[in-house]
Protein backbone atom coordinates (compact mmCIF):
# COMPACT_ATOMS: atom_id res chain seq x y z
CA MET A 1 -2.93 31.66 11.52
CA LYS A 2 0.62 31.37 12.86
CA SER A 3 -0.30 28.06 14.58
CA LEU A 4 -1.61 26.67 11.28
CA ILE A 5 1.60 27.60 9.48
CA ILE A 6 3.72 25.95 12.15
CA ALA A 7 1.58 22.81 12.10
CA THR A 8 1.78 22.56 8.31
CA THR A 9 5.54 22.94 8.45
CA VAL A 10 5.83 20.18 11.03
CA VAL A 11 3.82 17.81 8.82
CA ALA A 12 6.12 18.53 5.90
CA VAL A 13 9.29 18.09 7.94
CA LEU A 14 8.38 15.29 10.34
CA ALA A 15 6.16 13.08 8.17
CA PRO A 16 8.16 9.84 7.87
CA SER A 17 8.51 8.04 4.56
CA VAL A 18 6.81 4.68 4.18
CA LEU A 19 9.86 2.50 3.60
CA ALA A 20 9.42 -1.09 2.47
CA ASP A 21 11.47 -4.00 3.78
CA PHE A 22 13.05 -5.86 0.84
CA TYR A 23 13.77 -9.59 0.68
CA GLU A 24 15.77 -11.17 -2.14
CA ASP A 25 15.73 -14.67 -3.64
CA ALA A 26 18.04 -16.15 -6.27
CA SER A 27 16.70 -16.65 -9.78
CA GLY A 28 16.62 -20.16 -11.19
CA ASP A 29 16.51 -21.96 -7.83
CA ILE A 30 13.70 -24.28 -8.98
CA PHE A 31 13.76 -27.95 -10.01
CA ASP A 32 11.98 -27.30 -13.33
CA SER A 33 13.35 -24.42 -15.41
CA GLY A 34 10.11 -24.29 -17.37
CA LEU A 35 8.24 -22.94 -14.34
CA SER A 36 9.67 -19.41 -14.37
CA ASN A 37 6.29 -18.03 -13.30
CA LEU A 38 6.86 -19.82 -9.98
CA ASP A 39 10.45 -18.59 -9.53
CA PHE A 40 10.62 -15.84 -6.89
CA LEU A 41 13.11 -13.00 -7.37
CA GLY A 42 12.16 -11.15 -4.21
CA ALA A 43 9.44 -9.39 -2.26
CA GLU A 44 8.78 -6.20 -0.35
CA ILE A 45 6.50 -5.61 2.64
CA THR A 46 4.98 -2.46 4.11
CA ASN A 47 2.00 -1.77 6.35
CA ASP A 48 -0.35 0.95 7.45
CA GLY A 49 -2.57 0.99 10.53
CA ASP A 50 -4.95 -1.62 9.13
CA SER A 51 -3.25 -3.69 6.45
CA LEU A 52 -0.11 -5.52 5.41
CA PHE A 53 1.04 -5.04 1.81
CA ILE A 54 3.14 -7.76 0.17
CA VAL A 55 4.55 -7.36 -3.34
CA ALA A 56 6.18 -10.48 -4.81
CA SER A 57 8.36 -10.41 -7.91
CA LEU A 58 8.47 -13.49 -10.14
CA ASN A 59 10.82 -14.36 -12.99
CA ALA A 60 8.22 -14.16 -15.80
CA ASP A 61 5.54 -12.11 -17.49
CA LEU A 62 2.60 -13.36 -15.41
CA SER A 63 0.04 -11.78 -17.72
CA ALA A 64 1.24 -14.04 -20.55
CA ILE A 65 1.38 -17.24 -18.50
CA ASN A 66 -1.75 -16.54 -16.42
CA TRP A 67 -1.47 -19.40 -13.93
CA GLY A 68 0.22 -20.08 -10.63
CA LYS A 69 -0.50 -20.79 -6.98
CA TYR A 70 1.25 -18.72 -4.30
CA LEU A 71 1.21 -19.29 -0.54
CA ILE A 72 2.00 -17.03 2.41
CA PHE A 73 3.06 -18.53 5.77
CA ILE A 74 3.19 -16.45 8.98
CA ASP A 75 4.55 -17.42 12.41
CA SER A 76 3.96 -14.75 15.06
CA GLY A 77 5.52 -16.87 17.80
CA ASP A 78 2.28 -17.55 19.68
CA GLY A 79 2.01 -21.22 18.79
CA GLY A 80 0.33 -22.59 15.71
CA ALA A 81 -0.08 -25.52 13.37
CA MET A 82 2.93 -27.83 13.70
CA SER A 83 4.07 -30.28 11.04
CA GLY A 84 5.53 -33.77 11.34
CA PRO A 85 4.45 -36.94 13.14
CA GLU A 86 4.20 -35.16 16.50
CA GLY A 87 2.40 -32.17 15.05
CA ASN A 88 -1.24 -31.37 14.46
CA ASP A 89 -0.96 -30.50 10.76
CA PRO A 90 1.17 -32.70 8.46
CA PHE A 91 2.26 -29.76 6.32
CA ASN A 92 1.54 -26.57 8.31
CA ASN A 93 -1.21 -25.45 5.92
CA PRO A 94 -4.93 -25.92 5.19
CA TRP A 95 -4.36 -26.46 1.46
CA GLY A 96 -2.60 -29.79 2.02
CA ARG A 97 0.47 -28.73 0.05
CA ARG A 98 3.72 -30.54 0.89
CA VAL A 99 5.29 -27.54 2.60
CA SER A 100 6.50 -28.01 6.17
CA ALA A 101 8.38 -25.93 8.74
CA ASP A 102 9.75 -26.55 12.22
CA VAL A 103 7.72 -23.69 13.68
CA GLY A 104 4.04 -23.21 14.35
CA ILE A 105 2.19 -21.38 11.57
CA ASN A 106 -0.47 -18.97 12.87
CA ALA A 107 -1.74 -17.55 9.61
CA PHE A 108 -1.85 -18.78 6.02
CA VAL A 109 -2.94 -17.27 2.73
CA GLY A 110 -3.44 -19.39 -0.36
CA SER A 111 -3.82 -17.53 -3.65
CA TRP A 112 -3.95 -18.05 -7.38
CA ILE A 113 -3.71 -15.84 -10.45
CA ASP A 114 -5.64 -18.09 -12.85
CA GLY A 115 -8.77 -16.48 -14.29
CA GLY A 116 -8.18 -13.09 -12.71
CA GLY A 117 -6.95 -14.43 -9.40
CA GLY A 118 -8.24 -14.96 -5.90
CA ALA A 119 -7.06 -15.55 -2.34
CA LEU A 120 -8.25 -17.27 0.83
CA GLY A 121 -6.93 -16.45 4.30
CA TYR A 122 -6.88 -18.68 7.40
CA LEU A 123 -6.02 -18.41 11.11
CA TRP A 124 -5.03 -21.31 13.37
CA ASN A 125 -7.52 -21.74 16.24
CA GLY A 126 -5.48 -24.20 18.30
CA GLY A 127 -6.94 -27.30 16.70
CA GLY A 128 -7.69 -26.40 13.10
CA TRP A 129 -7.89 -23.65 10.51
CA ASP A 130 -10.61 -20.97 10.40
CA GLU A 131 -11.14 -19.13 7.13
CA THR A 132 -10.87 -15.43 7.94
CA SER A 133 -10.89 -13.58 4.65
CA SER A 134 -10.92 -13.79 0.90
CA GLY A 135 -9.88 -11.41 -1.80
CA THR A 136 -8.22 -10.87 -5.13
CA PRO A 137 -4.49 -10.17 -5.51
CA ASP A 138 -3.60 -7.05 -7.48
CA LEU A 139 -2.33 -8.16 -10.89
CA SER A 140 -2.01 -4.69 -12.43
CA GLN A 141 1.77 -5.21 -12.67
CA ALA A 142 1.57 -8.86 -13.78
CA GLU A 143 3.37 -8.03 -17.02
CA MET A 144 6.34 -7.01 -14.86
CA GLY A 145 6.10 -10.25 -12.88
CA GLN A 146 4.55 -8.67 -9.78
CA ILE A 147 1.69 -9.75 -7.54
CA THR A 148 0.42 -7.54 -4.70
CA TRP A 149 -1.60 -8.71 -1.71
CA THR A 150 -3.40 -6.33 0.65
CA LEU A 151 -4.17 -8.29 3.83
CA SER A 152 -5.88 -6.89 6.91
CA LEU A 153 -3.81 -7.17 10.06
CA ASP A 154 -6.82 -8.62 11.89
CA SER A 155 -7.18 -11.44 9.37
CA LEU A 156 -3.55 -12.40 10.05
CA GLY A 157 -3.84 -12.11 13.84
CA LEU A 158 -1.35 -9.23 13.85
CA SER A 159 -1.17 -5.87 15.61
CA ILE A 160 1.11 -2.84 15.47
CA GLY A 161 4.46 -3.72 17.04
CA ASP A 162 4.26 -7.47 16.30
CA THR A 163 7.29 -9.14 14.75
CA PHE A 164 6.65 -12.29 12.75
CA ASN A 165 8.61 -14.80 10.69
CA PHE A 166 7.29 -15.59 7.25
CA ASP A 167 7.87 -17.25 3.92
CA LEU A 168 6.29 -17.22 0.47
CA ALA A 169 5.97 -20.41 -1.54
CA SER A 170 4.94 -21.13 -5.10
CA THR A 171 3.25 -24.43 -5.86
CA GLY A 172 1.19 -26.40 -8.35
CA GLY A 173 -2.56 -26.80 -8.51
CA GLY A 174 -3.00 -30.19 -6.85
CA ASP A 175 -3.29 -31.48 -3.30
CA GLY A 176 0.07 -32.83 -2.18
CA ASP A 177 2.09 -30.65 -4.56
CA PRO A 178 5.35 -29.38 -3.02
CA ALA A 179 6.79 -25.89 -3.00
CA ILE A 180 8.36 -25.10 -6.35
CA ASP A 181 10.25 -22.15 -4.86
CA LEU A 182 10.56 -20.70 -1.36
CA LEU A 183 11.39 -17.03 -0.95
CA SER A 184 13.54 -17.45 2.16
CA THR A 185 15.96 -20.07 0.82
CA ASP A 186 17.96 -20.65 -2.36
CA VAL A 187 17.90 -24.42 -1.78
CA VAL A 188 16.29 -26.17 -4.74
CA GLN A 189 13.34 -28.24 -3.55
CA ALA A 190 13.21 -31.99 -4.25
CA GLY A 191 10.45 -31.93 -6.85
CA TRP A 192 7.04 -33.44 -7.54
CA GLY A 193 5.96 -36.12 -5.07
CA ASN A 194 8.47 -34.99 -2.44
CA ASN A 195 8.16 -32.86 0.65
CA SER A 196 9.53 -29.32 0.79
CA THR A 197 10.72 -27.50 3.88
CA SER A 198 10.62 -23.79 4.67
CA PRO A 199 13.24 -22.33 7.03
CA MET A 200 10.90 -19.38 7.74
CA ALA A 201 14.09 -17.33 7.64
CA PHE A 202 12.63 -13.86 7.02
CA SER A 203 10.99 -11.58 9.57
CA TYR A 204 9.05 -8.31 9.55
CA THR A 205 7.90 -5.91 12.28
CA VAL A 206 4.53 -4.19 11.92
CA VAL A 207 5.35 -0.52 12.39
CA PRO A 208 3.05 2.32 13.47
CA ALA A 209 1.34 4.05 10.58
CA PRO A 210 3.13 7.26 9.52
CA GLY A 211 -0.02 9.30 10.02
CA VAL A 212 -0.22 8.19 13.66
CA LEU A 213 3.34 9.33 14.30
CA VAL A 214 2.72 12.71 12.71
CA LEU A 215 -0.51 13.28 14.60
CA ALA A 216 1.21 12.33 17.86
CA GLY A 217 3.93 14.87 17.14
CA LEU A 218 1.40 17.56 16.28
CA ALA A 219 -0.62 16.86 19.43
CA GLY A 220 2.51 17.37 21.52
CA LEU A 221 3.39 20.56 19.69
CA THR A 222 -0.13 21.96 20.09
CA THR A 223 -0.14 21.17 23.80
CA ARG A 224 3.20 22.86 24.34
CA ARG A 225 2.10 25.92 22.38
CA ARG A 226 -1.09 26.31 24.40
CA ARG A 227 0.79 25.99 27.67
CA GLY A 228 3.30 28.60 26.52
């Protein structure tokens, strides 16, 4: 009984909080002020042992507007789709949107909120894009301007301990549309018919799940107690 009390106390004291990483973007940094549903205000990212959770905040009531396309770009540093004349993908993404970067993109998610929303995930295989997953973004907080994606680490080619650069982009519904807003820069993009460029300026490290840390601590405590 005493061991159970000690173990319970350790869980209460040592269990770490799940703290999100926050990333801010300026409001109004878009070339068309009428597209507030595509104007990022910020995002937060967390993870557990299996999934990455991304919550994006937009400058509008998304439930009232009910349209928008949102892209996620991930560079884990292991090579990927490169843009430009010397690259293997003109715009670093399988949707053909005019969004380029100077780094290789390993994983891409294209999503939409029209008609209840949906998402498609892709991984770079060295010569092209493989579709890895599909899903529906959580729009339960759309009235507050929030979209939440739950993405498996496997579908993004990520593991615990990996650090990756990333960006979020909003865009229109047609092939060749540029980024309307990019989360990681306040630079206003050039507009319809022009290319847009992501600096991929934000990074995130996939941390061990809190439960794993607690269990590891308890295992050590139990071992020490038995040996004593």
